[in-house]
């Protein structure tokens, strides 16, 4: 026996179908938005984690540079790469390569790093313009009785915006052994991270 549907019942069934479709569309949109936020959070978290890995690798390179400096200090002056030498004069930007004393390469996990150690006791001509990556300059002039005293010449870098200087009180009542810059760069997924650290060595006579 067939059930007869009256006009009102048919109308209610017809209205339910569009409402169901609307609910499904809204639910689908909410799922899509939720997926977007989840993917965005995962991407942000991964970027932060990768940056930490790069930083740790670069800092490991800094420590390797310090270790190399300490090893060279312990060597006899005749064989040490840190033996006293005249202040280097930089006449052209290409001469900056002369400041590099040593390079170290290594990995932390699967992240490679490269560490360069620069000599900072140099002078530069006033017409040399600052370039990215230029090591800071620590310029010293010694008195005639250089074994007993030293004087810091603080530079002004108004035109070139060149960085430089010396730590406060570092040269008081002691001679200067050397000043260095350790620059370590790590790379992961095509993105690099560079950390610079200046090292000032002091020697008393």
N, C-alpha and C. Protein backbone atom coordinates (compact mmCIF):
# COMPACT_ATOMS: atom_id res chain seq x y z
N UNK A 1 0.84 -1.18 0.00
CA UNK A 1 0.00 0.00 0.00
C UNK A 1 0.89 1.25 0.00
N UNK A 2 0.74 2.10 -0.96
CA UNK A 2 1.55 3.30 -1.08
C UNK A 2 1.04 4.38 -0.15
N UNK A 3 2.06 5.10 0.45
CA UNK A 3 1.72 6.19 1.36
C UNK A 3 1.59 7.47 0.57
N UNK A 4 0.54 8.16 0.79
CA UNK A 4 0.29 9.41 0.07
C UNK A 4 0.95 10.56 0.82
N UNK A 5 1.69 11.41 0.12
CA UNK A 5 2.32 12.59 0.70
C UNK A 5 1.51 13.81 0.32
N UNK A 6 1.14 14.56 1.31
CA UNK A 6 0.38 15.77 1.06
C UNK A 6 1.33 16.92 0.69
N UNK A 7 0.79 18.00 0.24
CA UNK A 7 1.57 19.13 -0.27
C UNK A 7 2.52 19.69 0.78
N UNK A 8 2.07 19.83 2.02
CA UNK A 8 2.89 20.38 3.10
C UNK A 8 4.09 19.51 3.40
N UNK A 9 3.89 18.20 3.39
CA UNK A 9 4.99 17.29 3.68
C UNK A 9 6.04 17.33 2.57
N UNK A 10 5.61 17.40 1.32
CA UNK A 10 6.54 17.50 0.19
C UNK A 10 7.37 18.78 0.29
N UNK A 11 6.75 19.87 0.74
CA UNK A 11 7.45 21.15 0.86
C UNK A 11 8.55 21.08 1.91
N UNK A 12 8.23 20.40 3.07
CA UNK A 12 9.23 20.29 4.13
C UNK A 12 10.42 19.46 3.67
N UNK A 13 10.18 18.38 2.93
CA UNK A 13 11.27 17.55 2.42
C UNK A 13 12.13 18.33 1.43
N UNK A 14 11.50 19.14 0.60
CA UNK A 14 12.23 19.95 -0.38
C UNK A 14 13.09 21.01 0.28
N UNK A 15 12.66 21.57 1.41
CA UNK A 15 13.44 22.58 2.12
C UNK A 15 14.62 21.96 2.88
N UNK A 16 14.48 20.72 3.31
CA UNK A 16 15.54 20.07 4.08
C UNK A 16 16.80 19.84 3.25
N UNK A 17 16.63 19.58 1.96
CA UNK A 17 17.78 19.30 1.11
C UNK A 17 18.72 20.50 0.97
N UNK A 18 18.23 21.72 0.67
CA UNK A 18 19.13 22.88 0.61
C UNK A 18 19.80 23.17 1.95
N UNK A 19 19.05 23.02 3.05
CA UNK A 19 19.65 23.25 4.37
C UNK A 19 20.78 22.28 4.65
N UNK A 20 20.58 21.03 4.24
CA UNK A 20 21.63 20.03 4.42
C UNK A 20 22.87 20.39 3.62
N UNK A 21 22.66 20.84 2.38
CA UNK A 21 23.78 21.24 1.54
C UNK A 21 24.53 22.44 2.13
N UNK A 22 23.79 23.41 2.69
CA UNK A 22 24.41 24.58 3.31
C UNK A 22 25.27 24.17 4.50
N UNK A 23 24.72 23.26 5.33
CA UNK A 23 25.48 22.78 6.49
C UNK A 23 26.76 22.09 6.05
N UNK A 24 26.67 21.28 5.00
CA UNK A 24 27.86 20.57 4.50
C UNK A 24 28.90 21.55 3.97
N UNK A 25 28.44 22.58 3.25
CA UNK A 25 29.37 23.57 2.70
C UNK A 25 30.07 24.33 3.83
N UNK A 26 29.30 24.76 4.84
CA UNK A 26 29.88 25.49 5.98
C UNK A 26 30.86 24.61 6.74
N UNK A 27 30.49 23.35 6.96
CA UNK A 27 31.38 22.43 7.67
C UNK A 27 32.66 22.21 6.89
N UNK A 28 32.52 22.07 5.57
CA UNK A 28 33.71 21.89 4.73
C UNK A 28 34.62 23.11 4.79
N UNK A 29 34.02 24.31 4.78
CA UNK A 29 34.81 25.53 4.86
C UNK A 29 35.55 25.62 6.19
N UNK A 30 34.87 25.24 7.28
CA UNK A 30 35.50 25.27 8.60
C UNK A 30 36.67 24.29 8.66
N UNK A 31 36.50 23.12 8.06
CA UNK A 31 37.59 22.14 8.03
C UNK A 31 38.78 22.70 7.25
N UNK A 32 38.48 23.34 6.11
CA UNK A 32 39.55 23.91 5.29
C UNK A 32 40.30 25.00 6.04
N UNK A 33 39.56 25.87 6.75
CA UNK A 33 40.20 26.93 7.54
C UNK A 33 41.06 26.34 8.65
N UNK A 34 40.53 25.31 9.31
CA UNK A 34 41.28 24.65 10.38
C UNK A 34 42.57 24.04 9.84
N UNK A 35 42.48 23.39 8.68
CA UNK A 35 43.66 22.79 8.07
C UNK A 35 44.69 23.87 7.72
N UNK A 36 44.22 25.02 7.26
CA UNK A 36 45.12 26.12 6.91
C UNK A 36 45.89 26.60 8.14
N UNK A 37 45.16 26.80 9.25
CA UNK A 37 45.81 27.26 10.47
C UNK A 37 46.80 26.23 11.00
N UNK A 38 46.43 24.96 10.91
CA UNK A 38 47.32 23.89 11.39
C UNK A 38 48.60 23.86 10.56
N UNK A 39 48.44 23.93 9.22
CA UNK A 39 49.61 23.92 8.35
C UNK A 39 50.48 25.15 8.59
N UNK A 40 49.83 26.30 8.82
CA UNK A 40 50.59 27.53 9.07
C UNK A 40 51.37 27.44 10.38
N UNK A 41 50.75 26.87 11.41
CA UNK A 41 51.43 26.70 12.69
C UNK A 41 52.60 25.73 12.56
N UNK A 42 52.38 24.64 11.81
CA UNK A 42 53.45 23.67 11.61
C UNK A 42 54.62 24.29 10.85
N UNK A 43 54.29 25.11 9.84
CA UNK A 43 55.34 25.76 9.05
C UNK A 43 56.13 26.75 9.90
N UNK A 44 55.41 27.53 10.74
CA UNK A 44 56.08 28.49 11.62
C UNK A 44 56.98 27.79 12.63
N UNK A 45 56.47 26.70 13.20
CA UNK A 45 57.25 25.93 14.17
C UNK A 45 58.51 25.36 13.53
N UNK A 46 58.37 24.85 12.31
CA UNK A 46 59.53 24.28 11.61
C UNK A 46 60.56 25.37 11.30
N UNK A 47 60.09 26.55 10.91
CA UNK A 47 61.02 27.64 10.62
C UNK A 47 61.80 28.03 11.87
N UNK A 48 61.11 28.11 13.01
CA UNK A 48 61.79 28.45 14.27
C UNK A 48 62.78 27.37 14.66
N UNK A 49 62.38 26.11 14.49
CA UNK A 49 63.26 25.00 14.84
C UNK A 49 64.50 24.99 13.95
N UNK A 50 64.28 25.18 12.64
CA UNK A 50 65.42 25.21 11.71
C UNK A 50 66.36 26.36 12.04
N UNK A 51 65.81 27.51 12.43
CA UNK A 51 66.65 28.66 12.78
C UNK A 51 67.49 28.36 14.02
N UNK A 52 66.91 27.63 14.97
CA UNK A 52 67.67 27.24 16.16
C UNK A 52 68.80 26.30 15.78
N UNK A 53 68.53 25.36 14.86
CA UNK A 53 69.58 24.45 14.40
C UNK A 53 70.72 25.22 13.74
N UNK A 54 70.36 26.20 12.90
CA UNK A 54 71.39 27.01 12.24
C UNK A 54 72.21 27.79 13.27
N UNK A 55 71.52 28.38 14.25
CA UNK A 55 72.21 29.16 15.28
C UNK A 55 73.16 28.28 16.08
N UNK A 56 72.71 27.09 16.46
CA UNK A 56 73.56 26.17 17.23
C UNK A 56 74.80 25.78 16.44
N UNK A 57 74.62 25.54 15.14
CA UNK A 57 75.76 25.17 14.30
C UNK A 57 76.74 26.34 14.18
N UNK A 58 76.22 27.55 14.00
CA UNK A 58 77.09 28.73 13.90
C UNK A 58 77.84 28.96 15.21
N UNK A 59 77.17 28.79 16.34
CA UNK A 59 77.83 28.96 17.64
C UNK A 59 78.89 27.90 17.86
N UNK A 60 78.63 26.69 17.36
CA UNK A 60 79.66 25.65 17.45
C UNK A 60 80.90 26.06 16.67
N UNK A 61 80.69 26.72 15.54
CA UNK A 61 81.82 27.23 14.76
C UNK A 61 82.59 28.30 15.51
N UNK A 62 81.87 29.16 16.25
CA UNK A 62 82.53 30.18 17.08
C UNK A 62 83.45 29.53 18.10
N UNK A 63 82.96 28.48 18.75
CA UNK A 63 83.76 27.78 19.76
C UNK A 63 84.97 27.11 19.13
N UNK A 64 84.80 26.59 17.91
CA UNK A 64 85.95 26.01 17.19
C UNK A 64 87.01 27.08 16.92
N UNK A 65 86.54 28.27 16.57
CA UNK A 65 87.47 29.37 16.33
C UNK A 65 88.24 29.75 17.58
N UNK A 66 87.55 29.82 18.71
CA UNK A 66 88.22 30.12 19.98
C UNK A 66 89.25 29.05 20.32
N UNK A 67 88.86 27.78 20.08
CA UNK A 67 89.78 26.68 20.37
C UNK A 67 91.05 26.80 19.52
N UNK A 68 90.88 27.18 18.25
CA UNK A 68 92.05 27.33 17.38
C UNK A 68 92.96 28.45 17.89
N UNK A 69 92.37 29.57 18.30
CA UNK A 69 93.16 30.69 18.82
C UNK A 69 93.96 30.26 20.05
N UNK A 70 93.31 29.55 20.96
CA UNK A 70 94.00 29.10 22.18
C UNK A 70 95.13 28.13 21.85
N UNK A 71 94.90 27.26 20.87
CA UNK A 71 95.96 26.32 20.46
C UNK A 71 97.15 27.06 19.87
N UNK A 72 96.87 28.11 19.08
CA UNK A 72 97.96 28.87 18.46
C UNK A 72 98.73 29.68 19.50
N UNK A 73 98.04 30.15 20.52
CA UNK A 73 98.71 30.92 21.57
C UNK A 73 99.73 30.05 22.30
N UNK A 74 99.39 28.77 22.48
CA UNK A 74 100.28 27.86 23.21
C UNK A 74 101.51 27.46 22.40
N UNK A 75 101.49 27.72 21.10
CA UNK A 75 102.63 27.34 20.26
C UNK A 75 103.77 28.34 20.43
N UNK A 76 104.99 27.93 20.11
CA UNK A 76 106.10 28.89 20.11
C UNK A 76 105.82 30.03 19.15
N UNK A 77 106.31 31.21 19.48
CA UNK A 77 106.04 32.38 18.66
C UNK A 77 106.51 32.21 17.23
N UNK A 78 107.56 31.44 17.03
CA UNK A 78 108.11 31.26 15.69
C UNK A 78 107.18 30.47 14.77
N UNK A 79 106.33 29.63 15.34
CA UNK A 79 105.44 28.79 14.53
C UNK A 79 103.97 29.16 14.66
N UNK A 80 103.64 30.01 15.61
CA UNK A 80 102.23 30.36 15.83
C UNK A 80 101.73 31.32 14.77
N UNK A 81 100.49 31.09 14.33
CA UNK A 81 99.85 32.01 13.37
C UNK A 81 99.47 33.32 14.04
N UNK A 82 99.55 33.37 15.37
CA UNK A 82 99.18 34.57 16.12
C UNK A 82 100.40 35.36 16.59
N UNK A 83 101.56 35.06 16.03
CA UNK A 83 102.76 35.77 16.46
C UNK A 83 102.61 37.26 16.18
N UNK A 84 103.23 38.10 17.02
CA UNK A 84 103.12 39.55 16.82
C UNK A 84 103.56 39.95 15.42
N UNK A 85 102.80 40.83 14.81
CA UNK A 85 103.13 41.32 13.47
C UNK A 85 102.73 42.78 13.38
N UNK A 86 103.28 43.51 12.43
CA UNK A 86 102.93 44.93 12.30
C UNK A 86 101.45 45.11 11.98
N UNK A 87 100.94 46.29 12.29
CA UNK A 87 99.57 46.62 11.93
C UNK A 87 99.44 46.62 10.41
N UNK A 88 98.44 45.93 9.89
CA UNK A 88 98.24 45.82 8.45
C UNK A 88 97.60 47.09 7.92
N UNK A 89 98.09 47.57 6.79
CA UNK A 89 97.51 48.75 6.15
C UNK A 89 96.66 48.32 4.97
N UNK A 90 95.39 48.73 4.97
CA UNK A 90 94.46 48.39 3.91
C UNK A 90 94.30 49.59 2.99
N UNK A 91 94.80 49.45 1.78
CA UNK A 91 94.71 50.54 0.81
C UNK A 91 93.54 50.37 -0.15
N UNK A 92 93.17 49.13 -0.44
CA UNK A 92 92.03 48.85 -1.30
C UNK A 92 91.20 47.76 -0.65
N UNK A 93 89.93 47.66 -1.06
CA UNK A 93 89.03 46.70 -0.43
C UNK A 93 89.54 45.28 -0.60
N UNK A 94 90.21 44.99 -1.72
CA UNK A 94 90.72 43.64 -1.96
C UNK A 94 91.73 43.20 -0.93
N UNK A 95 92.39 44.17 -0.28
CA UNK A 95 93.38 43.83 0.74
C UNK A 95 92.75 43.22 1.98
N UNK A 96 91.44 43.30 2.11
CA UNK A 96 90.78 42.75 3.29
C UNK A 96 91.00 41.25 3.40
N UNK A 97 91.28 40.59 2.28
CA UNK A 97 91.58 39.16 2.32
C UNK A 97 92.83 38.89 3.15
N UNK A 98 93.71 39.88 3.25
CA UNK A 98 94.93 39.71 4.03
C UNK A 98 94.64 39.61 5.52
N UNK A 99 93.46 40.02 5.93
CA UNK A 99 93.10 39.98 7.35
C UNK A 99 92.68 38.58 7.81
N UNK A 100 92.34 37.72 6.86
CA UNK A 100 91.86 36.38 7.23
C UNK A 100 93.05 35.50 7.59
N UNK A 101 93.05 35.02 8.84
CA UNK A 101 94.14 34.19 9.33
C UNK A 101 93.91 32.71 9.11
N UNK A 102 92.66 32.29 9.24
CA UNK A 102 92.39 30.85 9.22
C UNK A 102 90.91 30.61 8.93
N UNK A 103 90.62 29.47 8.31
CA UNK A 103 89.23 29.06 8.05
C UNK A 103 89.03 27.64 8.56
N UNK A 104 87.86 27.40 9.11
CA UNK A 104 87.52 26.08 9.66
C UNK A 104 86.17 25.67 9.09
N UNK A 105 86.05 24.41 8.69
CA UNK A 105 84.77 23.88 8.22
C UNK A 105 84.39 22.67 9.07
N UNK A 106 83.10 22.47 9.24
CA UNK A 106 82.63 21.34 10.02
C UNK A 106 81.13 21.19 9.90
N UNK A 107 80.57 20.25 10.63
CA UNK A 107 79.13 20.03 10.64
C UNK A 107 78.66 19.80 12.07
N UNK A 108 77.44 20.19 12.34
CA UNK A 108 76.75 19.87 13.59
C UNK A 108 75.49 19.14 13.18
N UNK A 109 75.45 17.83 13.45
CA UNK A 109 74.39 17.03 12.88
C UNK A 109 74.61 16.96 11.38
N UNK A 110 73.64 17.41 10.62
CA UNK A 110 73.78 17.47 9.16
C UNK A 110 73.92 18.91 8.66
N UNK A 111 74.16 19.84 9.58
CA UNK A 111 74.22 21.26 9.20
C UNK A 111 75.68 21.69 9.09
N UNK A 112 76.12 22.09 7.90
CA UNK A 112 77.52 22.52 7.74
C UNK A 112 77.73 23.95 8.23
N UNK A 113 78.94 24.23 8.70
CA UNK A 113 79.30 25.59 9.08
C UNK A 113 80.71 25.89 8.58
N UNK A 114 80.96 27.17 8.35
CA UNK A 114 82.29 27.65 7.97
C UNK A 114 82.66 28.80 8.90
N UNK A 115 83.85 28.73 9.47
CA UNK A 115 84.30 29.74 10.42
C UNK A 115 85.57 30.41 9.89
N UNK A 116 85.56 31.73 9.85
CA UNK A 116 86.73 32.51 9.43
C UNK A 116 87.22 33.35 10.61
N UNK A 117 88.53 33.43 10.76
CA UNK A 117 89.13 34.21 11.84
C UNK A 117 89.92 35.35 11.23
N UNK A 118 89.57 36.59 11.62
CA UNK A 118 90.17 37.79 11.05
C UNK A 118 91.04 38.51 12.07
N UNK A 119 92.08 39.12 11.57
CA UNK A 119 92.98 39.97 12.36
C UNK A 119 92.43 41.40 12.32
N UNK A 120 92.23 42.01 13.48
CA UNK A 120 91.53 43.30 13.53
C UNK A 120 92.43 44.52 13.72
N UNK A 121 93.71 44.30 13.95
CA UNK A 121 94.60 45.45 14.13
C UNK A 121 95.07 45.92 12.76
N UNK A 122 94.25 46.73 12.13
CA UNK A 122 94.62 47.24 10.81
C UNK A 122 94.17 48.69 10.66
N UNK A 123 94.72 49.34 9.69
CA UNK A 123 94.31 50.70 9.35
C UNK A 123 93.81 50.69 7.91
N UNK A 124 92.90 51.60 7.60
CA UNK A 124 92.34 51.68 6.26
C UNK A 124 92.36 53.11 5.77
N UNK A 125 92.59 53.28 4.48
CA UNK A 125 92.57 54.62 3.89
C UNK A 125 91.18 55.22 4.06
N UNK A 126 91.14 56.52 4.20
CA UNK A 126 89.87 57.20 4.46
C UNK A 126 88.88 57.10 3.30
N UNK A 127 89.38 56.83 2.09
CA UNK A 127 88.48 56.78 0.94
C UNK A 127 87.92 55.38 0.69
N UNK A 128 88.26 54.42 1.55
CA UNK A 128 87.69 53.07 1.40
C UNK A 128 86.29 53.06 2.00
N UNK A 129 85.31 52.74 1.18
CA UNK A 129 83.93 52.73 1.63
C UNK A 129 83.59 51.42 2.34
N UNK A 130 82.71 51.54 3.31
CA UNK A 130 82.28 50.36 4.05
C UNK A 130 81.55 49.40 3.13
N UNK A 131 81.84 48.11 3.27
CA UNK A 131 81.15 47.07 2.53
C UNK A 131 80.64 46.03 3.51
N UNK A 132 79.56 45.37 3.13
CA UNK A 132 78.98 44.33 3.98
C UNK A 132 80.01 43.23 4.22
N UNK A 133 80.14 42.84 5.48
CA UNK A 133 81.09 41.81 5.83
C UNK A 133 82.46 42.33 6.21
N UNK A 134 82.66 43.63 6.13
CA UNK A 134 83.96 44.22 6.47
C UNK A 134 84.21 44.07 7.97
N UNK A 135 85.33 43.47 8.37
CA UNK A 135 85.61 43.31 9.81
C UNK A 135 85.80 44.67 10.47
N UNK A 136 85.41 44.81 11.72
CA UNK A 136 85.62 46.08 12.43
C UNK A 136 87.12 46.33 12.63
N UNK A 137 87.49 47.58 12.74
CA UNK A 137 88.90 47.95 12.85
C UNK A 137 89.24 48.36 14.28
N UNK A 138 90.28 47.77 14.82
CA UNK A 138 90.82 48.18 16.11
C UNK A 138 92.22 48.71 15.83
N UNK A 139 92.40 50.02 15.91
CA UNK A 139 93.67 50.64 15.55
C UNK A 139 94.41 51.08 16.80
N UNK A 140 95.68 50.73 16.87
CA UNK A 140 96.49 51.04 18.05
C UNK A 140 97.74 51.80 17.65
N UNK A 141 98.19 52.71 18.50
CA UNK A 141 99.51 53.32 18.31
C UNK A 141 100.28 53.15 19.61
N UNK A 142 101.50 52.68 19.50
CA UNK A 142 102.32 52.44 20.68
C UNK A 142 103.29 53.60 20.89
N UNK A 143 103.51 53.94 22.12
CA UNK A 143 104.48 54.99 22.44
C UNK A 143 105.89 54.44 22.22
N UNK A 144 106.88 55.30 22.36
CA UNK A 144 108.27 54.86 22.17
C UNK A 144 108.61 53.75 23.14
N UNK A 145 108.17 53.92 24.37
CA UNK A 145 108.40 52.87 25.37
C UNK A 145 107.21 51.92 25.31
N UNK A 146 107.08 51.18 24.19
CA UNK A 146 105.87 50.39 23.93
C UNK A 146 105.70 49.23 24.89
N UNK A 147 106.76 48.82 25.57
CA UNK A 147 106.63 47.70 26.48
C UNK A 147 105.91 48.09 27.76
N UNK A 148 105.87 49.39 28.05
CA UNK A 148 105.28 49.83 29.30
C UNK A 148 103.91 50.48 29.12
N UNK A 149 103.58 50.91 27.92
CA UNK A 149 102.31 51.59 27.76
C UNK A 149 101.80 51.45 26.34
N UNK A 150 100.51 51.64 26.19
CA UNK A 150 99.89 51.66 24.87
C UNK A 150 98.70 52.58 24.90
N UNK A 151 98.38 53.13 23.77
CA UNK A 151 97.29 54.11 23.69
C UNK A 151 96.33 53.70 22.60
N UNK A 152 95.07 53.77 22.90
CA UNK A 152 94.05 53.42 21.93
C UNK A 152 93.69 54.63 21.10
N UNK A 153 93.67 54.47 19.80
CA UNK A 153 93.18 55.52 18.92
C UNK A 153 91.75 55.15 18.54
N UNK A 154 90.80 55.86 19.09
CA UNK A 154 89.40 55.57 18.78
C UNK A 154 89.04 56.24 17.46
N UNK A 155 88.53 55.45 16.55
CA UNK A 155 88.24 55.94 15.21
C UNK A 155 86.83 56.51 15.13
N UNK A 156 86.65 57.49 14.23
CA UNK A 156 85.30 57.96 13.92
C UNK A 156 84.97 57.50 12.51
N UNK A 157 83.82 56.91 12.36
CA UNK A 157 83.44 56.30 11.08
C UNK A 157 82.21 56.99 10.53
N UNK A 158 82.21 58.33 10.53
CA UNK A 158 81.03 59.07 10.13
C UNK A 158 80.72 58.89 8.66
N UNK A 159 81.73 58.88 7.80
CA UNK A 159 81.48 58.81 6.36
C UNK A 159 81.18 57.39 5.91
N UNK A 160 81.95 56.44 6.42
CA UNK A 160 81.82 55.07 5.91
C UNK A 160 80.89 54.22 6.75
N UNK A 161 80.54 54.69 7.96
CA UNK A 161 79.74 53.89 8.89
C UNK A 161 80.44 52.59 9.23
N UNK A 162 81.76 52.65 9.24
CA UNK A 162 82.56 51.46 9.51
C UNK A 162 82.54 51.18 11.00
N UNK A 163 82.39 49.93 11.41
CA UNK A 163 82.35 49.58 12.82
C UNK A 163 83.75 49.38 13.37
N UNK A 164 83.94 49.69 14.63
CA UNK A 164 85.25 49.48 15.22
C UNK A 164 85.30 49.99 16.63
N UNK A 165 86.48 49.87 17.28
CA UNK A 165 86.63 50.36 18.63
C UNK A 165 87.43 49.39 19.46
N UNK A 166 87.23 49.46 20.77
CA UNK A 166 87.92 48.56 21.67
C UNK A 166 87.11 48.47 22.95
N UNK A 167 87.23 47.35 23.70
CA UNK A 167 86.49 47.21 24.94
C UNK A 167 86.99 48.20 25.98
N UNK A 168 86.10 48.74 26.79
CA UNK A 168 86.44 49.76 27.76
C UNK A 168 87.43 49.22 28.78
N UNK A 169 88.52 49.93 28.96
CA UNK A 169 89.50 49.55 29.96
C UNK A 169 90.39 48.38 29.58
N UNK A 170 90.26 47.90 28.35
CA UNK A 170 91.01 46.70 27.98
C UNK A 170 92.51 46.96 27.95
N UNK A 171 92.90 48.15 27.51
CA UNK A 171 94.30 48.43 27.31
C UNK A 171 94.97 49.09 28.52
N UNK A 172 94.26 49.18 29.63
CA UNK A 172 94.81 49.85 30.80
C UNK A 172 95.84 48.97 31.50
N UNK A 173 97.04 49.52 31.71
CA UNK A 173 98.10 48.86 32.47
C UNK A 173 98.50 47.51 31.90
N UNK A 174 98.33 47.29 30.63
CA UNK A 174 98.78 46.04 30.03
C UNK A 174 99.01 46.24 28.55
N UNK A 175 99.82 45.38 27.98
CA UNK A 175 100.07 45.44 26.55
C UNK A 175 99.01 44.66 25.80
N UNK A 176 98.88 44.96 24.54
CA UNK A 176 97.91 44.26 23.71
C UNK A 176 98.59 43.07 23.04
N UNK A 177 97.99 41.93 23.14
CA UNK A 177 98.53 40.77 22.43
C UNK A 177 97.96 40.75 21.02
N UNK A 178 96.65 40.65 20.87
CA UNK A 178 96.02 40.71 19.55
C UNK A 178 94.51 40.88 19.69
N UNK A 179 93.87 41.26 18.58
CA UNK A 179 92.41 41.38 18.52
C UNK A 179 91.94 40.66 17.27
N UNK A 180 90.89 39.85 17.42
CA UNK A 180 90.42 39.01 16.32
C UNK A 180 88.90 39.08 16.21
N UNK A 181 88.42 38.73 15.03
CA UNK A 181 86.99 38.54 14.81
C UNK A 181 86.78 37.10 14.35
N UNK A 182 85.90 36.40 15.05
CA UNK A 182 85.51 35.05 14.63
C UNK A 182 84.14 35.16 13.99
N UNK A 183 84.05 34.78 12.73
CA UNK A 183 82.79 34.85 11.98
C UNK A 183 82.41 33.44 11.53
N UNK A 184 81.27 32.98 12.01
CA UNK A 184 80.82 31.62 11.70
C UNK A 184 79.48 31.66 10.97
N UNK A 185 79.39 30.94 9.86
CA UNK A 185 78.17 30.90 9.05
C UNK A 185 77.73 29.46 8.85
N UNK A 186 76.47 29.18 9.15
CA UNK A 186 75.89 27.86 8.90
C UNK A 186 74.79 27.99 7.86
N UNK A 187 74.46 26.88 7.22
CA UNK A 187 73.44 26.91 6.17
C UNK A 187 72.58 25.65 6.24
N UNK A 188 71.27 25.85 6.08
CA UNK A 188 70.32 24.74 6.09
C UNK A 188 69.14 25.10 5.22
N UNK A 189 68.81 24.22 4.29
CA UNK A 189 67.68 24.44 3.37
C UNK A 189 67.81 25.76 2.60
N UNK A 190 69.03 26.09 2.21
CA UNK A 190 69.26 27.29 1.41
C UNK A 190 69.23 28.59 2.18
N UNK A 191 69.11 28.54 3.51
CA UNK A 191 69.09 29.73 4.35
C UNK A 191 70.31 29.71 5.26
N UNK A 192 71.02 30.82 5.35
CA UNK A 192 72.24 30.88 6.14
C UNK A 192 72.05 31.71 7.41
N UNK A 193 72.90 31.43 8.39
CA UNK A 193 72.90 32.15 9.66
C UNK A 193 74.35 32.49 9.99
N UNK A 194 74.63 33.77 10.27
CA UNK A 194 75.99 34.20 10.57
C UNK A 194 76.06 34.80 11.96
N UNK A 195 77.08 34.40 12.71
CA UNK A 195 77.32 34.92 14.06
C UNK A 195 78.75 35.46 14.10
N UNK A 196 78.92 36.69 14.58
CA UNK A 196 80.23 37.32 14.74
C UNK A 196 80.56 37.46 16.22
N UNK A 197 81.82 37.24 16.57
CA UNK A 197 82.26 37.47 17.95
C UNK A 197 83.70 37.96 17.94
N UNK A 198 83.93 39.11 18.59
CA UNK A 198 85.28 39.66 18.69
C UNK A 198 85.99 39.03 19.89
N UNK A 199 87.28 38.77 19.72
CA UNK A 199 88.10 38.20 20.78
C UNK A 199 89.32 39.10 20.96
N UNK A 200 89.51 39.62 22.17
CA UNK A 200 90.65 40.48 22.48
C UNK A 200 91.58 39.72 23.42
N UNK A 201 92.83 39.56 23.01
CA UNK A 201 93.80 38.85 23.82
C UNK A 201 94.73 39.88 24.48
N UNK A 202 95.01 39.69 25.75
CA UNK A 202 95.83 40.64 26.50
C UNK A 202 97.07 39.94 27.04
N UNK A 203 98.21 40.57 26.86
CA UNK A 203 99.46 39.99 27.34
C UNK A 203 100.20 41.01 28.19
N UNK A 204 100.61 40.61 29.37
CA UNK A 204 101.37 41.50 30.25
C UNK A 204 102.86 41.20 30.09
N UNK A 205 103.64 42.25 30.18
CA UNK A 205 105.09 42.08 30.04
C UNK A 205 105.75 42.08 31.40
